[in-house]
Amino acid sequence: MIYLSGITRLFQMGDQEVRALSGINLKIASGEYVSIMGPSGSGKSTLLNIIGLLDRPDLGRYELDGIDVTSLSEIEQACVRRKKIGFVFQSFHLVPRLTAAENIELPLILNGISPTNRKSIVEEALLKFDLSNRAQHRPAEMSGGQRQRTAIARATILRPTAILADEPTGNIDHRNGTEVMALLERLHHTGTTLIVVTHDRELGARADRHIAMRDGEIVMDDISERPNEIE
């Protein structure tokens, strides 16, 4: 599903060039559960942003489901991203002025789904993520766990083939963090590819495959259990 070859990402900081990623080679099969770990500045979030088509590499090739997405225009990349990838961020990235139901509904609106169909889909998602009693609450009126569940519901409302989670429990307490991870893992068990970036070893250990990064390079790739072989 995901194939990276020689991926390099450079940033200019003053008069210095910083190599955030240095020749990354990586294959992730459909349906895998992968954690990417490493200290701050190791390149793990930059790698996730490139996998999620939020950023472009300076060098290298990225294929997603057999398509060379590095050669696509920004509009074409956005179309692929909308159909195939769901994001869960540490800071939730909910729209403050929208209610939980409206935040969840937003991807459906952007994809041209009719109001009649949107209503039933959103109601089902609210029920699934235990948010029915918070449907008309704005993010500021919800707990951290409720906001993250809203973000997950929004990220998965279009049934993406991959969920990318960047420190998904970083802004919530341990109990809510455990619940959030259980939700993500239930989605993974339905066949969704799950990639989690974290600096939390306990959280990272939950995955079937563990990747460690340092200084923009992959320094460990431990596959303890692999559901699908990469052809």
Protein backbone atom coordinates (compact mmCIF):
# COMPACT_ATOMS: atom_id res chain seq x y z
CA MET A 1 0.00 0.00 0.00
CA ILE A 2 2.69 2.51 1.09
CA TYR A 3 6.11 2.46 -0.57
CA LEU A 4 8.78 5.08 0.10
CA SER A 5 12.09 5.04 -1.73
CA GLY A 6 14.94 7.43 -0.94
CA ILE A 7 12.66 10.00 0.70
CA THR A 8 14.61 13.09 1.75
CA ARG A 9 13.19 16.29 3.25
CA LEU A 10 15.27 19.42 3.73
CA PHE A 11 14.44 22.60 5.63
CA GLN A 12 16.28 25.90 5.55
CA MET A 13 16.85 27.43 8.98
CA GLY A 14 18.69 30.70 8.61
CA ASP A 15 21.84 29.97 6.70
CA GLN A 16 21.78 26.28 7.63
CA GLU A 17 20.16 23.40 5.77
CA VAL A 18 18.52 20.87 8.08
CA ARG A 19 17.97 17.33 6.81
CA ALA A 20 14.72 16.27 8.50
CA LEU A 21 14.59 12.99 6.56
CA SER A 22 17.56 11.32 4.97
CA GLY A 23 16.93 8.70 2.28
CA ILE A 24 14.02 6.89 3.94
CA ASN A 25 13.09 3.50 2.46
CA LEU A 26 9.88 2.02 3.87
CA LYS A 27 7.09 -0.37 2.90
CA ILE A 28 3.84 -0.66 4.83
CA ALA A 29 1.28 -3.22 3.70
CA SER A 30 -2.46 -2.74 3.75
CA GLY A 31 -3.93 -3.55 7.15
CA GLU A 32 -0.74 -3.18 9.18
CA TYR A 33 -0.57 -1.56 12.63
CA VAL A 34 2.68 0.39 12.86
CA SER A 35 4.14 2.66 15.51
CA ILE A 36 6.84 5.20 14.64
CA MET A 37 8.83 6.26 17.69
CA GLY A 38 11.72 8.56 18.41
CA PRO A 39 12.69 11.71 20.32
CA SER A 40 11.63 15.22 19.32
CA GLY A 41 13.37 16.21 16.11
CA SER A 42 13.92 12.65 14.95
CA GLY A 43 11.79 13.18 11.82
CA LYS A 44 8.79 11.02 12.75
CA SER A 45 6.15 13.73 12.29
CA THR A 46 7.77 14.90 9.05
CA LEU A 47 7.60 11.31 7.79
CA LEU A 48 3.94 11.05 8.77
CA ASN A 49 3.15 14.33 6.99
CA ILE A 50 4.73 13.03 3.79
CA ILE A 51 2.86 9.71 4.05
CA GLY A 52 -0.33 11.72 4.59
CA LEU A 53 0.36 14.01 1.61
CA LEU A 54 0.51 17.09 3.82
CA ASP A 55 4.11 17.68 2.74
CA ARG A 56 6.30 16.83 -0.25
CA PRO A 57 9.77 15.28 -0.19
CA ASP A 58 12.68 17.09 -1.81
CA LEU A 59 14.03 13.81 -3.15
CA GLY A 60 12.69 10.30 -3.55
CA ARG A 61 9.55 8.52 -4.65
CA TYR A 62 6.32 7.79 -2.79
CA GLU A 63 3.80 5.29 -4.11
CA LEU A 64 0.38 4.91 -2.52
CA ASP A 65 -1.68 1.96 -3.76
CA GLY A 66 0.59 1.73 -6.80
CA ILE A 67 0.27 5.43 -7.72
CA ASP A 68 3.32 7.69 -7.74
CA VAL A 69 1.80 10.47 -5.64
CA THR A 70 4.98 12.56 -5.63
CA SER A 71 4.29 13.47 -9.24
CA LEU A 72 0.70 14.61 -8.62
CA SER A 73 -0.41 18.24 -8.43
CA GLU A 74 -1.59 19.69 -5.10
CA ILE A 75 -5.22 19.35 -6.21
CA GLU A 76 -4.68 15.73 -7.26
CA GLN A 77 -2.90 14.97 -3.98
CA ALA A 78 -5.77 16.54 -2.02
CA CYS A 79 -8.22 14.27 -3.85
CA VAL A 80 -6.19 11.16 -3.00
CA ARG A 81 -5.78 12.30 0.60
CA ARG A 82 -9.51 12.91 1.02
CA LYS A 83 -10.41 9.46 -0.26
CA LYS A 84 -7.71 7.32 1.32
CA ILE A 85 -6.32 8.95 4.48
CA GLY A 86 -7.76 9.98 7.83
CA PHE A 87 -5.76 12.12 10.27
CA VAL A 88 -5.83 12.23 14.06
CA PHE A 89 -3.70 14.97 15.62
CA GLN A 90 -2.50 15.66 19.14
CA SER A 91 -4.19 19.09 19.12
CA PHE A 92 -7.46 17.72 17.68
CA HIS A 93 -7.65 20.42 14.91
CA LEU A 94 -11.41 20.78 15.34
CA VAL A 95 -13.13 23.93 14.05
CA PRO A 96 -13.87 25.91 17.25
CA ARG A 97 -17.11 27.53 16.06
CA LEU A 98 -18.64 24.24 14.89
CA THR A 99 -20.43 21.71 17.09
CA ALA A 100 -19.26 18.11 17.38
CA ALA A 101 -21.88 17.05 14.82
CA GLU A 102 -20.86 19.84 12.42
CA ASN A 103 -17.16 18.99 12.74
CA ILE A 104 -17.90 15.35 11.94
CA GLU A 105 -20.13 16.40 9.03
CA LEU A 106 -17.51 18.67 7.43
CA PRO A 107 -15.77 16.01 5.26
CA LEU A 108 -19.16 14.87 3.97
CA ILE A 109 -20.00 18.43 2.89
CA LEU A 110 -16.62 18.81 1.17
CA ASN A 111 -17.28 15.57 -0.72
CA GLY A 112 -20.69 16.70 -1.98
CA ILE A 113 -22.81 14.22 -0.03
CA SER A 114 -26.46 15.29 0.14
CA PRO A 115 -27.89 16.75 3.39
CA THR A 116 -30.32 13.85 3.74
CA ASN A 117 -27.57 11.25 3.59
CA ARG A 118 -25.24 13.33 5.77
CA LYS A 119 -27.74 13.40 8.63
CA SER A 120 -27.96 9.64 9.00
CA ILE A 121 -24.19 9.13 8.58
CA VAL A 122 -23.39 11.72 11.27
CA GLU A 123 -25.97 10.29 13.67
CA GLU A 124 -24.44 6.84 13.25
CA ALA A 125 -20.94 8.22 13.91
CA LEU A 126 -22.09 10.11 17.02
CA LEU A 127 -23.59 6.91 18.38
CA LYS A 128 -20.55 4.81 17.44
CA PHE A 129 -18.14 7.14 19.24
CA ASP A 130 -20.39 7.76 22.25
CA LEU A 131 -20.92 11.42 21.37
CA SER A 132 -24.69 11.60 20.95
CA ASN A 133 -25.06 13.66 24.14
CA ARG A 134 -22.36 16.07 22.93
CA ALA A 135 -23.62 16.51 19.36
CA GLN A 136 -24.48 20.20 19.80
CA HIS A 137 -21.48 21.10 21.95
CA ARG A 138 -18.55 23.07 20.59
CA PRO A 139 -14.96 21.88 21.24
CA ALA A 140 -14.48 24.33 24.14
CA GLU A 141 -17.46 22.71 25.85
CA MET A 142 -16.05 19.18 25.64
CA SER A 143 -13.37 17.26 27.52
CA GLY A 144 -10.09 16.31 25.86
CA GLY A 145 -11.28 12.74 25.39
CA GLN A 146 -14.54 13.88 23.81
CA ARG A 147 -12.68 16.22 21.46
CA GLN A 148 -10.34 13.43 20.38
CA ARG A 149 -13.27 11.06 19.80
CA THR A 150 -14.87 13.79 17.68
CA ALA A 151 -11.62 14.14 15.73
CA ILE A 152 -11.46 10.37 15.15
CA ALA A 153 -15.10 10.31 14.03
CA ARG A 154 -14.37 13.12 11.56
CA ALA A 155 -11.18 11.41 10.35
CA THR A 156 -12.98 8.13 9.64
CA ILE A 157 -16.38 9.35 8.43
CA LEU A 158 -15.40 8.69 4.78
CA ARG A 159 -14.00 5.22 5.61
CA PRO A 160 -10.34 5.86 4.67
CA THR A 161 -8.04 2.94 4.01
CA ALA A 162 -5.38 4.38 6.36
CA ILE A 163 -5.49 6.31 9.63
CA LEU A 164 -2.45 8.39 10.56
CA ALA A 165 -2.30 9.42 14.22
CA ASP A 166 0.29 11.94 15.42
CA GLU A 167 0.65 11.71 19.23
CA PRO A 168 -3.11 10.96 19.53
CA THR A 169 -3.03 10.76 23.35
CA GLY A 170 -0.62 13.64 23.95
CA ASN A 171 -3.24 16.12 25.19
CA ILE A 172 -5.49 13.81 27.18
CA ASP A 173 -5.19 11.90 30.44
CA HIS A 174 -4.25 8.22 30.69
CA ARG A 175 -7.81 6.90 31.02
CA ASN A 176 -9.06 8.83 27.99
CA GLY A 177 -5.87 7.96 26.14
CA THR A 178 -6.52 4.27 26.67
CA GLU A 179 -10.07 4.69 25.36
CA VAL A 180 -8.86 6.58 22.30
CA MET A 181 -6.30 3.90 21.47
CA ALA A 182 -8.94 1.21 21.88
CA LEU A 183 -11.13 3.08 19.37
CA LEU A 184 -8.29 3.35 16.86
CA GLU A 185 -7.42 -0.32 17.31
CA ARG A 186 -11.03 -1.38 16.75
CA LEU A 187 -10.92 0.49 13.46
CA HIS A 188 -7.64 -1.28 12.63
CA HIS A 189 -9.27 -4.67 13.31
CA THR A 190 -11.79 -3.92 10.53
CA GLY A 191 -8.87 -3.86 8.06
CA THR A 192 -7.79 -0.23 8.25
CA THR A 193 -4.07 0.51 8.14
CA LEU A 194 -3.07 2.29 11.36
CA ILE A 195 0.14 4.30 11.71
CA VAL A 196 0.79 5.95 15.06
CA VAL A 197 3.59 8.43 15.75
CA THR A 198 4.51 8.62 19.43
CA HIS A 199 7.35 9.16 21.87
CA ASP A 200 5.49 7.02 24.44
CA ARG A 201 7.11 3.56 24.57
CA GLU A 202 4.06 1.98 26.22
CA LEU A 203 1.81 3.33 23.50
CA GLY A 204 4.22 2.34 20.73
CA ALA A 205 4.50 -1.19 22.07
CA ARG A 206 0.80 -1.81 21.36
CA ALA A 207 1.49 -1.93 17.61
CA ASP A 208 2.42 -5.07 15.68
CA ARG A 209 5.37 -3.36 14.00
CA HIS A 210 7.73 -0.90 15.68
CA ILE A 211 9.83 1.64 13.79
CA ALA A 212 12.36 3.82 15.61
CA MET A 213 13.83 7.02 14.15
CA ARG A 214 16.81 9.17 14.98
CA ASP A 215 18.25 12.18 13.14
CA GLY A 216 15.98 11.69 10.13
CA GLU A 217 16.79 8.01 9.65
CA ILE A 218 15.09 4.72 10.48
CA VAL A 219 17.34 2.99 13.00
CA MET A 220 15.04 0.06 13.85
CA ASP A 221 12.19 -1.73 12.11
CA ASP A 222 10.92 -4.58 14.24
CA ILE A 223 8.06 -6.61 12.77
CA SER A 224 6.65 -8.74 15.59
CA GLU A 225 3.53 -9.68 13.68
CA ARG A 226 2.69 -8.95 10.08
CA PRO A 227 -0.88 -9.41 8.87
CA ASN A 228 -0.13 -9.11 5.15
CA GLU A 229 2.97 -9.69 3.11
CA ILE A 230 4.13 -6.94 0.78
CA GLU A 231 4.41 -8.11 -2.75
